[in-house]
Structures are given as structure tokens and as C-alpha cells.
Amino acid sequence: MQVLAIFVGGGIGSLLRYLISLRFKSMLLWGLPWPTILANGLASLLLGYFTAIAIKDGFSAPWRGLLMIGLCGGFSTFSTFGLETYTLLSGGEYVAALSNIILSVVVSLLCILIGFWIGG
């Protein structure tokens, strides 16, 4: 049951990430990959929220697998973040690459904190 829940959640998360990339693909303000930053921020917000709820009220293993591992894991995308940062670096866009690294980490951490706050 746990494996199936992770599988379903991962599929939903991956589809959400894909839809965000389609909807915001032309959003490259300041040369930054905003669709990836947005997907990772939203996934972090959800993970913070689900974690706070799990700590407070508890989640069964299938629900943790579906929401926290599958959905949030499929929705966030560290590999795309790495590739986009590498592409910026290899194109000589050093300020954009460093900005992407800092912004991605800060946004994700802030979203985790906000998620905890909302869920708590």
C-alpha cells in the first residue's frame, strides 16, 4: 500500500511540476528559471505544512507516502535546479547562477517555515 501511495503521489507531483513549467515557461525575469523556483517553493510549502500536521495530528504511513514522499518529492526538482544552474554557469551568467542558488535555497527554506506555521 505504501509503495502505491508513493507512486500515485509522485505522479501527481510530477504532473503539477510539468504544468507549472508550461504555464510559466516564458517567465525568465533577470535570467532566472522561475518555474523551477516556483515549483520547489510550493513543494517546500506543502512539505512544511504536511510535516507540521503529521507532528501534531499524525498521518498514517500511506498518507505520509502519498503526500510527503510522493507528492512533494515529485513536485520539487533538485535535478532541474542543478541543470539550470550549470547552464547559467556554462553560459558565463555567473551572477544569475549565484542568484539562482541563493534564491532557490532561501525561498525553499522560507516556504518550509511558512508551511510549518500554517500547519501548526
PDB file of N, CA and C in Angstrom:
ATOM      1  N   MET A   1       0.816  -1.198   0.000  1.00  0.00           N
ATOM      2  CA  MET A   1       0.000   0.000   0.000  1.00  0.00           C
ATOM      3  C   MET A   1       0.863   1.268   0.000  1.00  0.00           C
ATOM      4  N   GLN A   2       1.937   1.266   0.801  1.00  0.00           N
ATOM      5  CA  GLN A   2       2.838   2.414   0.887  1.00  0.00           C
ATOM      6  C   GLN A   2       3.479   2.712  -0.469  1.00  0.00           C
ATOM      7  N   VAL A   3       3.939   1.687  -1.158  1.00  0.00           N
ATOM      8  CA  VAL A   3       4.589   1.871  -2.456  1.00  0.00           C
ATOM      9  C   VAL A   3       3.607   2.458  -3.468  1.00  0.00           C
ATOM     10  N   LEU A   4       2.382   1.983  -3.472  1.00  0.00           N
ATOM     11  CA  LEU A   4       1.358   2.502  -4.373  1.00  0.00           C
ATOM     12  C   LEU A   4       1.051   3.963  -4.052  1.00  0.00           C
ATOM     13  N   ALA A   5       0.964   4.300  -2.778  1.00  0.00           N
ATOM     14  CA  ALA A   5       0.700   5.683  -2.385  1.00  0.00           C
ATOM     15  C   ALA A   5       1.820   6.609  -2.850  1.00  0.00           C
ATOM     16  N   ILE A   6       3.064   6.196  -2.701  1.00  0.00           N
ATOM     17  CA  ILE A   6       4.205   6.998  -3.159  1.00  0.00           C
ATOM     18  C   ILE A   6       4.158   7.148  -4.673  1.00  0.00           C
ATOM     19  N   PHE A   7       3.846   6.069  -5.368  1.00  0.00           N
ATOM     20  CA  PHE A   7       3.750   6.077  -6.828  1.00  0.00           C
ATOM     21  C   PHE A   7       2.691   7.076  -7.306  1.00  0.00           C
ATOM     22  N   VAL A   8       1.519   7.029  -6.713  1.00  0.00           N
ATOM     23  CA  VAL A   8       0.426   7.929  -7.107  1.00  0.00           C
ATOM     24  C   VAL A   8       0.783   9.373  -6.778  1.00  0.00           C
ATOM     25  N   GLY A   9       1.277   9.610  -5.563  1.00  0.00           N
ATOM     26  CA  GLY A   9       1.667  10.965  -5.171  1.00  0.00           C
ATOM     27  C   GLY A   9       2.769  11.525  -6.051  1.00  0.00           C
ATOM     28  N   GLY A  10       3.742  10.690  -6.383  1.00  0.00           N
ATOM     29  CA  GLY A  10       4.834  11.132  -7.261  1.00  0.00           C
ATOM     30  C   GLY A  10       4.337  11.507  -8.644  1.00  0.00           C
ATOM     31  N   GLY A  11       3.391  10.743  -9.158  1.00  0.00           N
ATOM     32  CA  GLY A  11       2.818  11.062 -10.462  1.00  0.00           C
ATOM     33  C   GLY A  11       2.083  12.391 -10.442  1.00  0.00           C
ATOM     34  N   ILE A  12       1.299  12.614  -9.387  1.00  0.00           N
ATOM     35  CA  ILE A  12       0.562  13.880  -9.263  1.00  0.00           C
ATOM     36  C   ILE A  12       1.544  15.049  -9.123  1.00  0.00           C
ATOM     37  N   GLY A  13       2.563  14.883  -8.281  1.00  0.00           N
ATOM     38  CA  GLY A  13       3.563  15.936  -8.092  1.00  0.00           C
ATOM     39  C   GLY A  13       4.314  16.249  -9.374  1.00  0.00           C
ATOM     40  N   SER A  14       4.693  15.222 -10.118  1.00  0.00           N
ATOM     41  CA  SER A  14       5.403  15.435 -11.380  1.00  0.00           C
ATOM     42  C   SER A  14       4.519  16.148 -12.390  1.00  0.00           C
ATOM     43  N   LEU A  15       3.255  15.789 -12.433  1.00  0.00           N
ATOM     44  CA  LEU A  15       2.317  16.456 -13.339  1.00  0.00           C
ATOM     45  C   LEU A  15       2.150  17.928 -12.953  1.00  0.00           C
ATOM     46  N   LEU A  16       2.046  18.228 -11.665  1.00  0.00           N
ATOM     47  CA  LEU A  16       1.954  19.616 -11.221  1.00  0.00           C
ATOM     48  C   LEU A  16       3.199  20.412 -11.623  1.00  0.00           C
ATOM     49  N   ARG A  17       4.362  19.803 -11.443  1.00  0.00           N
ATOM     50  CA  ARG A  17       5.606  20.473 -11.837  1.00  0.00           C
ATOM     51  C   ARG A  17       5.630  20.754 -13.330  1.00  0.00           C
ATOM     52  N   TYR A  18       5.199  19.791 -14.126  1.00  0.00           N
ATOM     53  CA  TYR A  18       5.144  19.955 -15.579  1.00  0.00           C
ATOM     54  C   TYR A  18       4.177  21.079 -15.965  1.00  0.00           C
ATOM     55  N   LEU A  19       3.005  21.120 -15.341  1.00  0.00           N
ATOM     56  CA  LEU A  19       2.021  22.159 -15.655  1.00  0.00           C
ATOM     57  C   LEU A  19       2.540  23.544 -15.284  1.00  0.00           C
ATOM     58  N   ILE A  20       3.260  23.652 -14.183  1.00  0.00           N
ATOM     59  CA  ILE A  20       3.863  24.935 -13.812  1.00  0.00           C
ATOM     60  C   ILE A  20       4.910  25.339 -14.841  1.00  0.00           C
ATOM     61  N   SER A  21       5.705  24.382 -15.297  1.00  0.00           N
ATOM     62  CA  SER A  21       6.727  24.720 -16.290  1.00  0.00           C
ATOM     63  C   SER A  21       6.090  25.173 -17.603  1.00  0.00           C
ATOM     64  N   LEU A  22       4.966  24.579 -17.981  1.00  0.00           N
ATOM     65  CA  LEU A  22       4.268  25.015 -19.194  1.00  0.00           C
ATOM     66  C   LEU A  22       3.670  26.409 -19.017  1.00  0.00           C
ATOM     67  N   ARG A  23       3.029  26.622 -17.896  1.00  0.00           N
ATOM     68  CA  ARG A  23       2.330  27.883 -17.650  1.00  0.00           C
ATOM     69  C   ARG A  23       3.291  29.058 -17.511  1.00  0.00           C
ATOM     70  N   PHE A  24       4.426  28.831 -16.905  1.00  0.00           N
ATOM     71  CA  PHE A  24       5.360  29.919 -16.620  1.00  0.00           C
ATOM     72  C   PHE A  24       6.671  29.813 -17.388  1.00  0.00           C
ATOM     73  N   LYS A  25       6.692  29.067 -18.494  1.00  0.00           N
ATOM     74  CA  LYS A  25       7.947  28.827 -19.220  1.00  0.00           C
ATOM     75  C   LYS A  25       8.588  30.102 -19.756  1.00  0.00           C
ATOM     76  N   SER A  26       7.800  31.113 -20.062  1.00  0.00           N
ATOM     77  CA  SER A  26       8.372  32.344 -20.592  1.00  0.00           C
ATOM     78  C   SER A  26       8.757  33.317 -19.485  1.00  0.00           C
ATOM     79  N   MET A  27       8.595  32.920 -18.251  1.00  0.00           N
ATOM     80  CA  MET A  27       8.887  33.779 -17.108  1.00  0.00           C
ATOM     81  C   MET A  27      10.361  33.669 -16.735  1.00  0.00           C
ATOM     82  N   LEU A  28      11.206  34.383 -17.454  1.00  0.00           N
ATOM     83  CA  LEU A  28      12.643  34.331 -17.204  1.00  0.00           C
ATOM     84  C   LEU A  28      13.171  35.716 -16.830  1.00  0.00           C
ATOM     85  N   LEU A  29      12.499  36.362 -15.902  1.00  0.00           N
ATOM     86  CA  LEU A  29      12.898  37.665 -15.417  1.00  0.00           C
ATOM     87  C   LEU A  29      14.282  37.584 -14.791  1.00  0.00           C
ATOM     88  N   TRP A  30      15.165  38.476 -15.155  1.00  0.00           N
ATOM     89  CA  TRP A  30      16.549  38.543 -14.676  1.00  0.00           C
ATOM     90  C   TRP A  30      17.338  37.282 -15.014  1.00  0.00           C
ATOM     91  N   GLY A  31      16.912  36.555 -16.017  1.00  0.00           N
ATOM     92  CA  GLY A  31      17.632  35.368 -16.449  1.00  0.00           C
ATOM     93  C   GLY A  31      17.538  34.181 -15.507  1.00  0.00           C
ATOM     94  N   LEU A  32      16.560  34.194 -14.604  1.00  0.00           N
ATOM     95  CA  LEU A  32      16.419  33.109 -13.630  1.00  0.00           C
ATOM     96  C   LEU A  32      15.295  32.154 -14.030  1.00  0.00           C
ATOM     97  N   PRO A  33      15.443  30.881 -13.720  1.00  0.00           N
ATOM     98  CA  PRO A  33      14.428  29.867 -14.058  1.00  0.00           C
ATOM     99  C   PRO A  33      13.282  29.870 -13.043  1.00  0.00           C
ATOM    100  N   TRP A  34      12.387  30.824 -13.145  1.00  0.00           N
ATOM    101  CA  TRP A  34      11.306  30.999 -12.183  1.00  0.00           C
ATOM    102  C   TRP A  34      10.367  29.810 -12.060  1.00  0.00           C
ATOM    103  N   PRO A  35      10.053  29.079 -13.138  1.00  0.00           N
ATOM    104  CA  PRO A  35       9.171  27.911 -12.952  1.00  0.00           C
ATOM    105  C   PRO A  35       9.744  26.885 -11.967  1.00  0.00           C
ATOM    106  N   THR A  36      11.039  26.664 -12.008  1.00  0.00           N
ATOM    107  CA  THR A  36      11.670  25.720 -11.088  1.00  0.00           C
ATOM    108  C   THR A  36      11.673  26.273  -9.667  1.00  0.00           C
ATOM    109  N   ILE A  37      11.979  27.557  -9.529  1.00  0.00           N
ATOM    110  CA  ILE A  37      11.965  28.185  -8.209  1.00  0.00           C
ATOM    111  C   ILE A  37      10.550  28.116  -7.628  1.00  0.00           C
ATOM    112  N   LEU A  38       9.541  28.379  -8.457  1.00  0.00           N
ATOM    113  CA  LEU A  38       8.146  28.323  -8.012  1.00  0.00           C
ATOM    114  C   LEU A  38       7.746  26.909  -7.602  1.00  0.00           C
ATOM    115  N   ALA A  39       8.069  25.926  -8.421  1.00  0.00           N
ATOM    116  CA  ALA A  39       7.716  24.530  -8.095  1.00  0.00           C
ATOM    117  C   ALA A  39       8.395  24.090  -6.802  1.00  0.00           C
ATOM    118  N   ASN A  40       9.679  24.399  -6.656  1.00  0.00           N
ATOM    119  CA  ASN A  40      10.394  23.998  -5.439  1.00  0.00           C
ATOM    120  C   ASN A  40       9.864  24.732  -4.209  1.00  0.00           C
ATOM    121  N   GLY A  41       9.513  26.014  -4.373  1.00  0.00           N
ATOM    122  CA  GLY A  41       8.948  26.767  -3.261  1.00  0.00           C
ATOM    123  C   GLY A  41       7.598  26.207  -2.828  1.00  0.00           C
ATOM    124  N   LEU A  42       6.728  25.918  -3.797  1.00  0.00           N
ATOM    125  CA  LEU A  42       5.412  25.358  -3.467  1.00  0.00           C
ATOM    126  C   LEU A  42       5.536  23.971  -2.842  1.00  0.00           C
ATOM    127  N   ALA A  43       6.435  23.150  -3.378  1.00  0.00           N
ATOM    128  CA  ALA A  43       6.647  21.821  -2.802  1.00  0.00           C
ATOM    129  C   ALA A  43       7.169  21.933  -1.369  1.00  0.00           C
ATOM    130  N   SER A  44       8.043  22.895  -1.119  1.00  0.00           N
ATOM    131  CA  SER A  44       8.567  23.112   0.236  1.00  0.00           C
ATOM    132  C   SER A  44       7.469  23.597   1.172  1.00  0.00           C
ATOM    133  N   LEU A  45       6.617  24.490   0.680  1.00  0.00           N
ATOM    134  CA  LEU A  45       5.495  24.962   1.480  1.00  0.00           C
ATOM    135  C   LEU A  45       4.587  23.797   1.882  1.00  0.00           C
ATOM    136  N   LEU A  46       4.256  22.959   0.904  1.00  0.00           N
ATOM    137  CA  LEU A  46       3.415  21.797   1.187  1.00  0.00           C
ATOM    138  C   LEU A  46       4.093  20.831   2.156  1.00  0.00           C
ATOM    139  N   LEU A  47       5.384  20.583   1.956  1.00  0.00           N
ATOM    140  CA  LEU A  47       6.094  19.662   2.836  1.00  0.00           C
ATOM    141  C   LEU A  47       6.140  20.190   4.268  1.00  0.00           C
ATOM    142  N   GLY A  48       6.382  21.487   4.427  1.00  0.00           N
ATOM    143  CA  GLY A  48       6.361  22.075   5.757  1.00  0.00           C
ATOM    144  C   GLY A  48       4.991  21.937   6.403  1.00  0.00           C
ATOM    145  N   TYR A  49       3.951  22.201   5.616  1.00  0.00           N
ATOM    146  CA  TYR A  49       2.579  22.082   6.114  1.00  0.00           C
ATOM    147  C   TYR A  49       2.255  20.638   6.508  1.00  0.00           C
ATOM    148  N   PHE A  50       2.536  19.701   5.605  1.00  0.00           N
ATOM    149  CA  PHE A  50       2.236  18.290   5.891  1.00  0.00           C
ATOM    150  C   PHE A  50       3.045  17.776   7.078  1.00  0.00           C
ATOM    151  N   THR A  51       4.275  18.222   7.222  1.00  0.00           N
ATOM    152  CA  THR A  51       5.104  17.792   8.344  1.00  0.00           C
ATOM    153  C   THR A  51       4.532  18.306   9.655  1.00  0.00           C
ATOM    154  N   ALA A  52       4.114  19.577   9.669  1.00  0.00           N
ATOM    155  CA  ALA A  52       3.518  20.130  10.887  1.00  0.00           C
ATOM    156  C   ALA A  52       2.249  19.371  11.258  1.00  0.00           C
ATOM    157  N   ILE A  53       1.425  19.065  10.272  1.00  0.00           N
ATOM    158  CA  ILE A  53       0.196  18.312  10.525  1.00  0.00           C
ATOM    159  C   ILE A  53       0.544  16.903  11.027  1.00  0.00           C
ATOM    160  N   ALA A  54       1.533  16.284  10.421  1.00  0.00           N
ATOM    161  CA  ALA A  54       1.932  14.931  10.824  1.00  0.00           C
ATOM    162  C   ALA A  54       2.435  14.911  12.263  1.00  0.00           C
ATOM    163  N   ILE A  55       3.184  15.927  12.648  1.00  0.00           N
ATOM    164  CA  ILE A  55       3.687  16.007  14.018  1.00  0.00           C
ATOM    165  C   ILE A  55       2.536  16.234  14.994  1.00  0.00           C
ATOM    166  N   LYS A  56       1.626  17.120  14.629  1.00  0.00           N
ATOM    167  CA  LYS A  56       0.520  17.498  15.512  1.00  0.00           C
ATOM    168  C   LYS A  56      -0.556  16.413  15.608  1.00  0.00           C
ATOM    169  N   ASP A  57      -1.015  15.943  14.452  1.00  0.00           N
ATOM    170  CA  ASP A  57      -2.155  15.027  14.419  1.00  0.00           C
ATOM    171  C   ASP A  57      -1.795  13.607  14.000  1.00  0.00           C
ATOM    172  N   GLY A  58      -0.651  13.453  13.385  1.00  0.00           N
ATOM    173  CA  GLY A  58      -0.253  12.147  12.877  1.00  0.00           C
ATOM    174  C   GLY A  58      -0.846  11.865  11.508  1.00  0.00           C
ATOM    175  N   PHE A  59      -0.104  11.162  10.706  1.00  0.00           N
ATOM    176  CA  PHE A  59      -0.545  10.698   9.392  1.00  0.00           C
ATOM    177  C   PHE A  59      -0.257   9.211   9.358  1.00  0.00           C
ATOM    178  N   SER A  60      -1.115   8.450   8.762  1.00  0.00           N
ATOM    179  CA  SER A  60      -0.803   7.037   8.554  1.00  0.00           C
ATOM    180  C   SER A  60       0.314   6.936   7.523  1.00  0.00           C
ATOM    181  N   ALA A  61       0.986   5.803   7.501  1.00  0.00           N
ATOM    182  CA  ALA A  61       2.092   5.603   6.561  1.00  0.00           C
ATOM    183  C   ALA A  61       1.672   5.824   5.108  1.00  0.00           C
ATOM    184  N   PRO A  62       0.510   5.310   4.663  1.00  0.00           N
ATOM    185  CA  PRO A  62       0.123   5.573   3.277  1.00  0.00           C
ATOM    186  C   PRO A  62      -0.074   7.063   2.980  1.00  0.00           C
ATOM    187  N   TRP A  63      -0.627   7.816   3.915  1.00  0.00           N
ATOM    188  CA  TRP A  63      -0.806   9.247   3.701  1.00  0.00           C
ATOM    189  C   TRP A  63       0.530   9.984   3.670  1.00  0.00           C
ATOM    190  N   ARG A  64       1.445   9.604   4.560  1.00  0.00           N
ATOM    191  CA  ARG A  64       2.793  10.199   4.514  1.00  0.00           C
ATOM    192  C   ARG A  64       3.456   9.893   3.179  1.00  0.00           C
ATOM    193  N   GLY A  65       3.309   8.650   2.724  1.00  0.00           N
ATOM    194  CA  GLY A  65       3.895   8.270   1.445  1.00  0.00           C
ATOM    195  C   GLY A  65       3.297   9.039   0.291  1.00  0.00           C
ATOM    196  N   LEU A  66       1.981   9.162   0.280  1.00  0.00           N
ATOM    197  CA  LEU A  66       1.286   9.866  -0.799  1.00  0.00           C
ATOM    198  C   LEU A  66       1.649  11.346  -0.833  1.00  0.00           C
ATOM    199  N   LEU A  67       1.520  12.010   0.317  1.00  0.00           N
ATOM    200  CA  LEU A  67       1.660  13.466   0.354  1.00  0.00           C
ATOM    201  C   LEU A  67       3.096  13.949   0.513  1.00  0.00           C
ATOM    202  N   MET A  68       3.806  13.388   1.481  1.00  0.00           N
ATOM    203  CA  MET A  68       5.120  13.928   1.820  1.00  0.00           C
ATOM    204  C   MET A  68       6.224  13.384   0.918  1.00  0.00           C
ATOM    205  N   ILE A  69       6.219  12.091   0.683  1.00  0.00           N
ATOM    206  CA  ILE A  69       7.274  11.493  -0.151  1.00  0.00           C
ATOM    207  C   ILE A  69       6.915  11.616  -1.624  1.00  0.00           C
ATOM    208  N   GLY A  70       5.717  11.161  -1.990  1.00  0.00           N
ATOM    209  CA  GLY A  70       5.331  11.135  -3.396  1.00  0.00           C
ATOM    210  C   GLY A  70       5.041  12.507  -3.961  1.00  0.00           C
ATOM    211  N   LEU A  71       4.001  13.178  -3.443  1.00  0.00           N
ATOM    212  CA  LEU A  71       3.583  14.467  -3.991  1.00  0.00           C
ATOM    213  C   LEU A  71       4.696  15.504  -3.919  1.00  0.00           C
ATOM    214  N   CYS A  72       5.239  15.725  -2.718  1.00  0.00           N
ATOM    215  CA  CYS A  72       6.272  16.754  -2.563  1.00  0.00           C
ATOM    216  C   CYS A  72       7.567  16.373  -3.277  1.00  0.00           C
ATOM    217  N   GLY A  73       7.911  15.085  -3.249  1.00  0.00           N
ATOM    218  CA  GLY A  73       9.114  14.635  -3.947  1.00  0.00           C
ATOM    219  C   GLY A  73       8.991  14.754  -5.456  1.00  0.00           C
ATOM    220  N   GLY A  74       7.811  14.419  -5.985  1.00  0.00           N
ATOM    221  CA  GLY A  74       7.595  14.534  -7.422  1.00  0.00           C
ATOM    222  C   GLY A  74       7.430  15.972  -7.878  1.00  0.00           C
ATOM    223  N   PHE A  75       6.927  16.829  -6.995  1.00  0.00           N
ATOM    224  CA  PHE A  75       6.662  18.223  -7.314  1.00  0.00           C
ATOM    225  C   PHE A  75       7.948  19.050  -7.322  1.00  0.00           C
ATOM    226  N   SER A  76       8.845  18.765  -6.382  1.00  0.00           N
ATOM    227  CA  SER A  76      10.104  19.509  -6.323  1.00  0.00           C
ATOM    228  C   SER A  76      11.098  18.904  -7.307  1.00  0.00           C
ATOM    229  N   THR A  77      12.115  19.670  -7.642  1.00  0.00           N
ATOM    230  CA  THR A  77      13.028  19.190  -8.673  1.00  0.00           C
ATOM    231  C   THR A  77      14.442  19.721  -8.478  1.00  0.00           C
ATOM    232  N   PHE A  78      15.200  19.005  -7.696  1.00  0.00           N
ATOM    233  CA  PHE A  78      16.585  19.403  -7.452  1.00  0.00           C
ATOM    234  C   PHE A  78      17.452  19.193  -8.695  1.00  0.00           C
ATOM    235  N   SER A  79      17.171  18.156  -9.454  1.00  0.00           N
ATOM    236  CA  SER A  79      17.980  17.886 -10.646  1.00  0.00           C
ATOM    237  C   SER A  79      17.821  18.992 -11.686  1.00  0.00           C
ATOM    238  N   THR A  80      16.598  19.498 -11.875  1.00  0.00           N
ATOM    239  CA  THR A  80      16.390  20.591 -12.825  1.00  0.00           C
ATOM    240  C   THR A  80      17.077  21.855 -12.327  1.00  0.00           C
ATOM    241  N   PHE A  81      16.989  22.112 -11.033  1.00  0.00           N
ATOM    242  CA  PHE A  81      17.703  23.239 -10.433  1.00  0.00           C
ATOM    243  C   PHE A  81      19.202  23.135 -10.741  1.00  0.00           C
ATOM    244  N   GLY A  82      19.767  21.950 -10.565  1.00  0.00           N
ATOM    245  CA  GLY A  82      21.193  21.744 -10.847  1.00  0.00           C
ATOM    246  C   GLY A  82      21.529  21.981 -12.312  1.00  0.00           C
ATOM    247  N   LEU A  83      20.717  21.454 -13.205  1.00  0.00           N
ATOM    248  CA  LEU A  83      20.965  21.622 -14.646  1.00  0.00           C
ATOM    249  C   LEU A  83      20.844  23.086 -15.053  1.00  0.00           C
ATOM    250  N   GLU A  84      19.821  23.765 -14.557  1.00  0.00           N
ATOM    251  CA  GLU A  84      19.654  25.175 -14.924  1.00  0.00           C
ATOM    252  C   GLU A  84      20.791  26.032 -14.377  1.00  0.00           C
ATOM    253  N   THR A  85      21.255  25.724 -13.178  1.00  0.00           N
ATOM    254  CA  THR A  85      22.390  26.455 -12.617  1.00  0.00           C
ATOM    255  C   THR A  85      23.649  26.182 -13.434  1.00  0.00           C
ATOM    256  N   TYR A  86      23.869  24.926 -13.808  1.00  0.00           N
ATOM    257  CA  TYR A  86      25.010  24.570 -14.653  1.00  0.00           C
ATOM    258  C   TYR A  86      24.937  25.297 -15.997  1.00  0.00           C
ATOM    259  N   THR A  87      23.757  25.363 -16.585  1.00  0.00           N
ATOM    260  CA  THR A  87      23.585  26.036 -17.874  1.00  0.00           C
ATOM    261  C   THR A  87      23.927  27.519 -17.753  1.00  0.00           C
ATOM    262  N   LEU A  88      23.477  28.139 -16.678  1.00  0.00           N
ATOM    263  CA  LEU A  88      23.820  29.541 -16.457  1.00  0.00           C
ATOM    264  C   LEU A  88      25.330  29.720 -16.301  1.00  0.00           C
ATOM    265  N   LEU A  89      25.952  28.840 -15.522  1.00  0.00           N
ATOM    266  CA  LEU A  89      27.408  28.929 -15.332  1.00  0.00           C
ATOM    267  C   LEU A  89      28.167  28.719 -16.634  1.00  0.00           C
ATOM    268  N   SER A  90      27.776  27.703 -17.393  1.00  0.00           N
ATOM    269  CA  SER A  90      28.489  27.411 -18.639  1.00  0.00           C
ATOM    270  C   SER A  90      28.276  28.498 -19.690  1.00  0.00           C
ATOM    271  N   GLY A  91      27.199  29.271 -19.544  1.00  0.00           N
ATOM    272  CA  GLY A  91      26.950  30.393 -20.445  1.00  0.00           C
ATOM    273  C   GLY A  91      27.575  31.684 -19.960  1.00  0.00           C
ATOM    274  N   GLY A  92      28.350  31.618 -18.883  1.00  0.00           N
ATOM    275  CA  GLY A  92      29.019  32.799 -18.363  1.00  0.00           C
ATOM    276  C   GLY A  92      28.109  33.713 -17.553  1.00  0.00           C
ATOM    277  N   GLU A  93      26.930  33.246 -17.223  1.00  0.00           N
ATOM    278  CA  GLU A  93      25.964  34.030 -16.455  1.00  0.00           C
ATOM    279  C   GLU A  93      26.185  33.783 -14.956  1.00  0.00           C
ATOM    280  N   TYR A  94      27.325  34.223 -14.457  1.00  0.00           N
ATOM    281  CA  TYR A  94      27.728  33.913 -13.097  1.00  0.00           C
ATOM    282  C   TYR A  94      26.835  34.559 -12.043  1.00  0.00           C
ATOM    283  N   VAL A  95      26.437  35.794 -12.269  1.00  0.00           N
ATOM    284  CA  VAL A  95      25.564  36.478 -11.301  1.00  0.00           C
ATOM    285  C   VAL A  95      24.199  35.792 -11.268  1.00  0.00           C
ATOM    286  N   ALA A  96      23.668  35.439 -12.430  1.00  0.00           N
ATOM    287  CA  ALA A  96      22.371  34.751 -12.490  1.00  0.00           C
ATOM    288  C   ALA A  96      22.468  33.378 -11.828  1.00  0.00           C
ATOM    289  N   ALA A  97      23.571  32.666 -12.046  1.00  0.00           N
ATOM    290  CA  ALA A  97      23.741  31.343 -11.439  1.00  0.00           C
ATOM    291  C   ALA A  97      23.800  31.445  -9.920  1.00  0.00           C
ATOM    292  N   LEU A  98      24.591  32.376  -9.405  1.00  0.00           N
ATOM    293  CA  LEU A  98      24.683  32.562  -7.959  1.00  0.00           C
ATOM    294  C   LEU A  98      23.349  33.029  -7.385  1.00  0.00           C
ATOM    295  N   SER A  99      22.675  33.923  -8.101  1.00  0.00           N
ATOM    296  CA  SER A  99      21.354  34.386  -7.672  1.00  0.00           C
ATOM    297  C   SER A  99      20.369  33.227  -7.621  1.00  0.00           C
ATOM    298  N   ASN A 100      20.430  32.334  -8.606  1.00  0.00           N
ATOM    299  CA  ASN A 100      19.545  31.177  -8.640  1.00  0.00           C
ATOM    300  C   ASN A 100      19.790  30.268  -7.431  1.00  0.00           C
ATOM    301  N   ILE A 101      21.051  30.053  -7.121  1.00  0.00           N
ATOM    302  CA  ILE A 101      21.395  29.199  -5.974  1.00  0.00           C
ATOM    303  C   ILE A 101      20.866  29.813  -4.674  1.00  0.00           C
ATOM    304  N   ILE A 102      21.187  31.069  -4.459  1.00  0.00           N
ATOM    305  CA  ILE A 102      20.781  31.729  -3.210  1.00  0.00           C
ATOM    306  C   ILE A 102      19.265  31.831  -3.121  1.00  0.00           C
ATOM    307  N   LEU A 103      18.631  32.296  -4.193  1.00  0.00           N
ATOM    308  CA  LEU A 103      17.181  32.471  -4.183  1.00  0.00           C
ATOM    309  C   LEU A 103      16.453  31.141  -3.993  1.00  0.00           C
ATOM    310  N   SER A 104      16.906  30.097  -4.661  1.00  0.00           N
ATOM    311  CA  SER A 104      16.256  28.790  -4.549  1.00  0.00           C
ATOM    312  C   SER A 104      16.323  28.257  -3.125  1.00  0.00           C
ATOM    313  N   VAL A 105      17.478  28.371  -2.500  1.00  0.00           N
ATOM    314  CA  VAL A 105      17.641  27.871  -1.135  1.00  0.00           C
ATOM    315  C   VAL A 105      16.829  28.714  -0.153  1.00  0.00           C
ATOM    316  N   VAL A 106      16.901  30.029  -0.282  1.00  0.00           N
ATOM    317  CA  VAL A 106      16.182  30.914   0.638  1.00  0.00           C
ATOM    318  C   VAL A 106      14.675  30.741   0.482  1.00  0.00           C
ATOM    319  N   VAL A 107      14.183  30.707  -0.757  1.00  0.00           N
ATOM    320  CA  VAL A 107      12.749  30.533  -0.987  1.00  0.00           C
ATOM    321  C   VAL A 107      12.273  29.199  -0.409  1.00  0.00           C
ATOM    322  N   SER A 108      13.006  28.134  -0.669  1.00  0.00           N
ATOM    323  CA  SER A 108      12.596  26.824  -0.161  1.00  0.00           C
ATOM    324  C   SER A 108      12.570  26.790   1.362  1.00  0.00           C
ATOM    325  N   LEU A 109      13.575  27.345   2.006  1.00  0.00           N
ATOM    326  CA  LEU A 109      13.601  27.369   3.476  1.00  0.00           C
ATOM    327  C   LEU A 109      12.476  28.220   4.052  1.00  0.00           C
ATOM    328  N   LEU A 110      12.252  29.394   3.448  1.00  0.00           N
ATOM    329  CA  LEU A 110      11.157  30.244   3.925  1.00  0.00           C
ATOM    330  C   LEU A 110       9.807  29.558   3.736  1.00  0.00           C
ATOM    331  N   CYS A 111       9.639  28.865   2.627  1.00  0.00           N
ATOM    332  CA  CYS A 111       8.378  28.171   2.378  1.00  0.00           C
ATOM    333  C   CYS A 111       8.173  27.010   3.357  1.00  0.00           C
ATOM    334  N   ILE A 112       9.246  26.315   3.713  1.00  0.00           N
ATOM    335  CA  ILE A 112       9.139  25.266   4.749  1.00  0.00           C
ATOM    336  C   ILE A 112       8.656  25.900   6.064  1.00  0.00           C
ATOM    337  N   LEU A 113       9.259  27.018   6.441  1.00  0.00           N
ATOM    338  CA  LEU A 113       8.874  27.702   7.674  1.00  0.00           C
ATOM    339  C   LEU A 113       7.422  28.173   7.622  1.00  0.00           C
ATOM    340  N   ILE A 114       7.013  28.751   6.507  1.00  0.00           N
ATOM    341  CA  ILE A 114       5.621  29.210   6.357  1.00  0.00           C
ATOM    342  C   ILE A 114       4.676  28.010   6.426  1.00  0.00           C
ATOM    343  N   GLY A 115       5.035  26.919   5.775  1.00  0.00           N
ATOM    344  CA  GLY A 115       4.218  25.711   5.831  1.00  0.00           C
ATOM    345  C   GLY A 115       4.045  25.194   7.243  1.00  0.00           C
ATOM    346  N   PHE A 116       5.145  25.171   8.010  1.00  0.00           N
ATOM    347  CA  PHE A 116       5.069  24.785   9.424  1.00  0.00           C
ATOM    348  C   PHE A 116       4.143  25.722  10.196  1.00  0.00           C
ATOM    349  N   TRP A 117       4.263  27.005   9.933  1.00  0.00           N
ATOM    350  CA  TRP A 117       3.444  27.997  10.627  1.00  0.00           C
ATOM    351  C   TRP A 117       1.960  27.792  10.309  1.00  0.00           C
ATOM    352  N   ILE A 118       1.645  27.588   9.028  1.00  0.00           N
ATOM    353  CA  ILE A 118       0.249  27.381   8.622  1.00  0.00           C
ATOM    354  C   ILE A 118      -0.288  26.074   9.223  1.00  0.00           C
ATOM    355  N   GLY A 119       0.527  25.025   9.188  1.00  0.00           N
ATOM    356  CA  GLY A 119       0.086  23.731   9.685  1.00  0.00           C
ATOM    357  C   GLY A 119       0.065  23.601  11.193  1.00  0.00           C
ATOM    358  N   GLY A 120       0.798  24.491  11.854  1.00  0.00           N
ATOM    359  CA  GLY A 120       0.920  24.383  13.309  1.00  0.00           C
ATOM    360  C   GLY A 120      -0.230  25.004  13.992  1.00  0.00           C
TER     361      GLY A 120
END
